[in-house]
C-alpha cells in the first residue's frame, strides 16, 4: 500500500561510489588487452552480486567505467571528470551490479572503443569492442528495456522496480521535496504525471503513449500504471496505484509492494487482471496509462 494507507518506509543509501557514464580514458596501472575487453559479458554477473564485490571479481569493470569506491578515488575522479565535462552519478556500492551496469550501458549505447595496445614488435592492435553493451543490446521494438530481473527486496515497491531502482518510492516523491501525497480522488493521470515530474528533475522527458505497442525511441522503454479504489471486506475502502514495466523480450513484469517481483510473460496490460494480491481481483481497473521513458538515474532517489 502507499502513503494513503499510512505505511512509511525509509530508504537509506550508504557506501557511495562515483561512476562516470562515459567510456573511460584514464590510464590505469593494469592495461587490459582488446581481447580481455571483448570477453567481458555482463550476463556472467550473478543477479545478486553487488557492485563492490563485482569489481573485486571482475577488475575489468573499472577499466570500462569510472568507478571509485573510496573517498580518495571519488575525489580524484571528480576533479578529472569535471575537466572533461562528463556526467557522474553517485550510487550505493551495495547496489546490484548487473542491473546498474545495464543502466550505464543504456546511457552509453555506442560501442566502447578499446585502447591501442602496442606489442613487443611495436605493431598496433586497434579494434572497436562492444564489450558489455553487446550482451544487453535492445531490439528496436523494446528500446532499452532490461531483461527480467528478480527482485525480492522488501524495500523496493512497484514504482521503484518499474524505474530500475532498489527503492520504495511513490510517484512524485522526487519532485515534491516532502514527498507526494495521494487521496481517494487521485486519478491515474495524477500518478502518471507525477512520474513524469520525477523524471523532469533529472532533465529527462518521458511521454505518454497510446498503447503497449505504440512506437518508442531507441533510448526509451515502456511502463504502464493503473489505479483502483474499492471496498475490501475487513479492511475498508482502499485506494492504490500499481506499475508494470516491459522486459527486453517484450513481456511484462512487476513487483507488488514488498512481495517478490514476477515475470508475467507476454500479457496485454490493458486486458490483464491487475489484482491486489489475494485481497481483490482486478483491483486496479482504471484506464491504463502507458509511458515511454528513458532510464532514470538511480542517483536521484
Protein backbone atom coordinates (compact mmCIF):
# COMPACT_ATOMS: atom_id res chain seq x y z
CA UNK A 1 0.00 0.00 0.00
CA UNK A 2 1.07 3.58 -0.40
CA UNK A 3 1.04 6.64 1.82
CA UNK A 4 -2.71 6.87 1.96
CA UNK A 5 -2.73 3.65 3.98
CA UNK A 6 -0.25 5.10 6.43
CA UNK A 7 2.77 2.97 5.53
CA UNK A 8 6.10 4.75 5.79
CA UNK A 9 9.32 3.13 4.66
CA UNK A 10 12.67 4.91 4.83
CA UNK A 11 15.36 4.01 2.29
CA UNK A 12 18.96 4.98 3.05
CA UNK A 13 21.95 4.98 0.70
CA UNK A 14 25.36 4.18 2.19
CA UNK A 15 28.88 3.48 0.99
CA UNK A 16 28.61 5.78 -2.01
CA UNK A 17 30.55 5.40 -5.23
CA UNK A 18 31.18 7.77 -8.11
CA UNK A 19 30.65 6.47 -11.61
CA UNK A 20 31.34 8.11 -14.92
CA UNK A 21 28.74 7.22 -17.54
CA UNK A 22 31.06 7.75 -20.49
CA UNK A 23 33.80 5.37 -21.60
CA UNK A 24 36.99 5.58 -19.56
CA UNK A 25 40.13 7.15 -20.87
CA UNK A 26 42.16 7.38 -17.68
CA UNK A 27 45.38 5.34 -17.64
CA UNK A 28 45.46 2.60 -15.01
CA UNK A 29 48.37 0.52 -13.76
CA UNK A 30 46.68 -2.53 -15.25
CA UNK A 31 46.14 -2.28 -19.02
CA UNK A 32 43.69 -4.81 -20.41
CA UNK A 33 44.03 -6.11 -23.93
CA UNK A 34 41.29 -5.74 -26.51
CA UNK A 35 40.57 -9.46 -26.22
CA UNK A 36 40.02 -9.11 -22.48
CA UNK A 37 37.67 -6.19 -23.01
CA UNK A 38 35.72 -8.12 -25.62
CA UNK A 39 35.38 -11.22 -23.45
CA UNK A 40 33.66 -9.43 -20.56
CA UNK A 41 29.94 -10.20 -20.63
CA UNK A 42 27.52 -8.56 -18.22
CA UNK A 43 25.39 -11.70 -18.31
CA UNK A 44 28.20 -13.51 -16.45
CA UNK A 45 27.37 -11.47 -13.36
CA UNK A 46 25.19 -13.09 -10.72
CA UNK A 47 21.99 -11.07 -10.30
CA UNK A 48 22.59 -10.80 -6.54
CA UNK A 49 26.22 -9.66 -6.83
CA UNK A 50 26.66 -6.12 -5.52
CA UNK A 51 28.79 -3.50 -7.23
CA UNK A 52 31.74 -3.63 -4.82
CA UNK A 53 32.01 -7.43 -4.97
CA UNK A 54 31.60 -7.41 -8.75
CA UNK A 55 34.55 -5.04 -9.08
CA UNK A 56 36.67 -7.31 -6.89
CA UNK A 57 35.75 -10.32 -9.00
CA UNK A 58 35.92 -8.52 -12.36
CA UNK A 59 38.52 -5.70 -12.11
CA UNK A 60 37.98 -5.01 -15.80
CA UNK A 61 34.76 -3.19 -14.84
CA UNK A 62 36.89 -0.30 -13.60
CA UNK A 63 38.66 -0.24 -16.95
CA UNK A 64 35.36 0.32 -18.76
CA UNK A 65 33.76 2.80 -16.34
CA UNK A 66 34.96 5.44 -13.91
CA UNK A 67 34.17 3.76 -10.60
CA UNK A 68 35.54 4.86 -7.25
CA UNK A 69 34.67 3.01 -4.07
CA UNK A 70 36.72 5.14 -1.68
CA UNK A 71 36.64 8.83 -0.82
CA UNK A 72 40.14 9.25 -2.28
CA UNK A 73 39.15 7.66 -5.59
CA UNK A 74 35.95 9.68 -5.71
CA UNK A 75 37.77 12.96 -5.13
CA UNK A 76 40.40 12.19 -7.77
CA UNK A 77 37.78 11.17 -10.34
CA UNK A 78 35.57 14.17 -9.62
CA UNK A 79 38.45 16.51 -10.48
CA UNK A 80 39.38 14.54 -13.59
CA UNK A 81 35.79 14.24 -14.80
CA UNK A 82 34.95 17.90 -14.22
CA UNK A 83 37.72 18.85 -16.62
CA UNK A 84 36.14 16.64 -19.29
CA UNK A 85 32.58 17.92 -18.73
CA UNK A 86 31.37 14.35 -18.35
CA UNK A 87 28.45 13.03 -16.31
CA UNK A 88 28.86 11.46 -12.89
CA UNK A 89 26.37 9.70 -10.68
CA UNK A 90 26.62 8.74 -7.01
CA UNK A 91 25.28 5.36 -6.03
CA UNK A 92 25.46 2.86 -3.21
CA UNK A 93 28.27 0.34 -3.60
CA UNK A 94 25.88 -2.38 -2.43
CA UNK A 95 23.61 -1.80 -5.43
CA UNK A 96 23.13 -4.85 -7.66
CA UNK A 97 25.94 -4.73 -10.23
CA UNK A 98 24.16 -6.38 -13.16
CA UNK A 99 21.17 -4.05 -13.03
CA UNK A 100 23.25 -0.91 -12.57
CA UNK A 101 25.77 -1.69 -15.30
CA UNK A 102 22.85 -2.40 -17.62
CA UNK A 103 21.62 1.11 -16.80
CA UNK A 104 25.04 2.56 -17.64
CA UNK A 105 25.05 0.73 -20.96
CA UNK A 106 21.70 2.24 -21.82
CA UNK A 107 23.06 5.70 -21.01
CA UNK A 108 26.04 4.98 -23.29
CA UNK A 109 24.69 2.88 -26.17
CA UNK A 110 27.66 3.27 -28.51
CA UNK A 111 30.37 0.67 -28.65
CA UNK A 112 33.32 1.08 -26.34
CA UNK A 113 36.48 1.88 -28.25
CA UNK A 114 39.30 -0.26 -26.92
CA UNK A 115 42.73 1.16 -26.21
CA UNK A 116 45.50 0.92 -28.79
CA UNK A 117 47.82 -1.75 -27.44
CA UNK A 118 51.43 -1.90 -28.60
CA UNK A 119 53.03 -5.32 -28.68
CA UNK A 120 56.69 -6.22 -28.37
CA UNK A 121 57.02 -5.98 -32.13
CA UNK A 122 55.65 -2.40 -32.00
CA UNK A 123 52.63 -3.39 -34.07
CA UNK A 124 49.47 -1.60 -33.01
CA UNK A 125 46.28 -3.54 -32.48
CA UNK A 126 43.17 -1.38 -32.66
CA UNK A 127 39.58 -2.50 -32.55
CA UNK A 128 36.13 -1.41 -31.52
CA UNK A 129 34.74 -3.64 -28.80
CA UNK A 130 31.08 -3.67 -27.90
CA UNK A 131 32.10 -5.16 -24.53
CA UNK A 132 29.25 -5.12 -22.01
CA UNK A 133 26.97 -3.27 -24.39
CA UNK A 134 26.72 -6.16 -26.81
CA UNK A 135 25.14 -8.56 -24.36
CA UNK A 136 22.23 -6.32 -23.44
CA UNK A 137 21.58 -4.62 -26.75
CA UNK A 138 17.88 -3.98 -27.08
CA UNK A 139 15.71 -4.55 -30.09
CA UNK A 140 14.12 -1.60 -31.83
CA UNK A 141 10.72 -2.71 -30.57
CA UNK A 142 11.60 -2.65 -26.88
CA UNK A 143 14.19 0.12 -26.72
CA UNK A 144 16.49 -0.06 -23.70
CA UNK A 145 14.25 -2.33 -21.63
CA UNK A 146 16.03 -4.53 -19.10
CA UNK A 147 15.83 -8.31 -19.23
CA UNK A 148 13.62 -9.65 -16.46
CA UNK A 149 15.46 -9.25 -13.14
CA UNK A 150 14.22 -10.94 -9.98
CA UNK A 151 13.82 -8.58 -7.02
CA UNK A 152 12.83 -9.93 -3.61
CA UNK A 153 13.71 -6.84 -1.57
CA UNK A 154 11.10 -5.57 0.89
CA UNK A 155 12.47 -2.06 0.37
CA UNK A 156 11.54 -1.92 -3.32
CA UNK A 157 7.95 -1.35 -4.45
CA UNK A 158 6.22 -1.41 -7.84
CA UNK A 159 7.28 2.14 -8.75
CA UNK A 160 10.90 1.66 -7.76
CA UNK A 161 11.02 -1.62 -9.67
CA UNK A 162 9.44 -0.11 -12.78
CA UNK A 163 12.17 2.53 -12.85
CA UNK A 164 15.00 0.11 -12.10
CA UNK A 165 15.58 1.45 -8.59
CA UNK A 166 16.16 -0.55 -5.42
CA UNK A 167 13.89 1.86 -3.55
CA UNK A 168 10.42 2.20 -2.10
CA UNK A 169 9.08 5.43 -3.61
CA UNK A 170 5.80 7.00 -4.67
CA UNK A 171 5.48 8.83 -7.99
CA UNK A 172 6.22 12.46 -7.22
CA UNK A 173 8.46 11.80 -4.21
CA UNK A 174 11.47 13.13 -6.16
CA UNK A 175 9.66 16.18 -7.49
CA UNK A 176 7.99 17.15 -4.22
CA UNK A 177 10.66 17.51 -1.56
CA UNK A 178 8.26 16.49 1.22
CA UNK A 179 7.02 13.51 -0.78
CA UNK A 180 3.92 13.02 -2.90
CA UNK A 181 0.50 12.71 -1.28
CA UNK A 182 -2.48 10.91 -2.77
CA UNK A 183 -6.16 10.90 -1.83
CA UNK A 184 -9.05 8.66 -2.76
CA UNK A 185 -9.89 11.10 -5.54
CA UNK A 186 -6.42 10.90 -7.14
CA UNK A 187 -6.60 9.67 -10.72
CA UNK A 188 -4.32 7.53 -12.83
CA UNK A 189 -3.41 10.71 -14.70
CA UNK A 190 -2.20 12.24 -11.43
CA UNK A 191 0.03 9.22 -10.82
CA UNK A 192 1.43 9.22 -14.37
CA UNK A 193 2.08 12.98 -14.33
CA UNK A 194 3.98 12.66 -11.06
CA UNK A 195 6.23 10.03 -12.63
CA UNK A 196 6.95 12.47 -15.46
CA UNK A 197 7.69 15.22 -12.93
CA UNK A 198 10.18 12.96 -11.16
CA UNK A 199 11.97 12.34 -14.46
CA UNK A 200 11.97 16.06 -15.27
CA UNK A 201 14.07 16.59 -12.14
CA UNK A 202 16.75 14.54 -13.90
CA UNK A 203 16.24 16.61 -17.07
CA UNK A 204 14.60 13.66 -18.82
CA UNK A 205 11.32 13.85 -20.71
CA UNK A 206 9.13 10.73 -20.60
CA UNK A 207 5.94 10.90 -22.63
CA UNK A 208 2.60 9.18 -22.57
CA UNK A 209 1.92 6.80 -25.45
CA UNK A 210 -1.31 5.27 -26.70
CA UNK A 211 -0.75 1.57 -26.03
CA UNK A 212 1.61 -1.29 -25.20
CA UNK A 213 2.62 -1.49 -28.85
CA UNK A 214 2.99 2.22 -29.60
CA UNK A 215 6.37 3.03 -31.10
CA UNK A 216 9.18 4.21 -28.82
CA UNK A 217 12.62 5.64 -29.37
CA UNK A 218 15.77 3.57 -29.07
CA UNK A 219 16.67 5.22 -25.73
CA UNK A 220 13.26 4.52 -24.13
CA UNK A 221 11.30 1.61 -22.68
CA UNK A 222 7.63 1.15 -21.76
CA UNK A 223 5.98 1.29 -18.36
CA UNK A 224 2.29 1.38 -17.50
CA UNK A 225 0.24 2.37 -14.47
CA UNK A 226 -3.31 1.90 -13.20
CA UNK A 227 -5.17 2.87 -10.03
CA UNK A 228 -8.07 1.36 -8.13
CA UNK A 229 -10.49 2.38 -5.38
CA UNK A 230 -12.61 -0.38 -3.87
CA UNK A 231 -14.08 -1.64 -0.63
CA UNK A 232 -12.26 -4.67 0.80
CA UNK A 233 -14.05 -6.68 3.46
CA UNK A 234 -12.25 -6.45 6.78
CA UNK A 235 -10.11 -3.53 5.64
CA UNK A 236 -12.44 -0.85 4.29
CA UNK A 237 -12.16 1.48 1.33
CA UNK A 238 -8.73 1.29 -0.27
CA UNK A 239 -7.12 3.46 -2.94
CA UNK A 240 -3.88 2.30 -4.52
CA UNK A 241 -1.78 2.56 -7.67
CA UNK A 242 0.37 -0.04 -9.42
CA UNK A 243 3.08 -0.10 -12.12
CA UNK A 244 4.41 -2.65 -14.59
CA UNK A 245 7.40 -2.46 -16.90
CA UNK A 246 8.19 -4.16 -20.19
CA UNK A 247 11.15 -6.54 -20.47
CA UNK A 248 13.70 -6.69 -23.28
CA UNK A 249 11.83 -9.76 -24.62
CA UNK A 250 8.54 -7.86 -24.95
CA UNK A 251 6.93 -9.48 -21.93
CA UNK A 252 5.86 -7.60 -18.81
CA UNK A 253 6.87 -7.81 -15.16
CA UNK A 254 6.00 -6.12 -11.88
CA UNK A 255 6.72 -6.12 -8.16
CA UNK A 256 3.63 -5.93 -5.94
CA UNK A 257 4.72 -3.82 -2.97
CA UNK A 258 7.08 -5.64 -0.62
CA UNK A 259 6.44 -9.04 -2.23
CA UNK A 260 8.82 -10.58 -4.82
CA UNK A 261 8.77 -9.47 -8.44
CA UNK A 262 7.06 -11.62 -11.06
CA UNK A 263 7.61 -12.18 -14.77
CA UNK A 264 4.12 -12.05 -16.28
CA UNK A 265 5.14 -13.08 -19.77
CA UNK A 266 3.56 -11.79 -22.96
CA UNK A 267 0.42 -10.32 -21.46
CA UNK A 268 -1.63 -7.37 -22.65
CA UNK A 269 -1.62 -4.95 -19.68
CA UNK A 270 -4.81 -3.35 -20.96
CA UNK A 271 -6.82 -6.56 -20.58
CA UNK A 272 -4.82 -8.37 -17.88
CA UNK A 273 -6.40 -8.65 -14.41
CA UNK A 274 -4.42 -6.33 -12.12
CA UNK A 275 -5.07 -7.98 -8.75
CA UNK A 276 -4.33 -6.56 -5.32
CA UNK A 277 -2.67 -9.71 -4.04
CA UNK A 278 -5.30 -12.14 -2.81
CA UNK A 279 -7.47 -9.34 -1.47
CA UNK A 280 -9.23 -8.21 -4.62
CA UNK A 281 -9.14 -9.44 -8.23
CA UNK A 282 -8.83 -6.78 -10.91
CA UNK A 283 -8.48 -4.12 -8.21
CA UNK A 284 -6.54 -1.73 -10.44
CA UNK A 285 -9.25 -1.18 -13.03
CA UNK A 286 -8.72 2.38 -14.25
CA UNK A 287 -7.77 3.11 -17.82
CA UNK A 288 -4.08 2.20 -18.17
CA UNK A 289 -1.61 4.99 -18.90
CA UNK A 290 1.44 3.90 -20.89
CA UNK A 291 4.64 5.91 -20.75
CA UNK A 292 7.77 5.76 -22.90
CA UNK A 293 10.67 6.77 -20.70
CA UNK A 294 14.44 6.88 -20.74
CA UNK A 295 16.08 5.12 -17.81
CA UNK A 296 16.17 7.41 -14.80
CA UNK A 297 19.46 7.80 -12.92
CA UNK A 298 19.48 5.81 -9.71
CA UNK A 299 21.18 8.76 -8.01
CA UNK A 300 18.07 10.95 -7.97
CA UNK A 301 16.23 8.88 -5.40
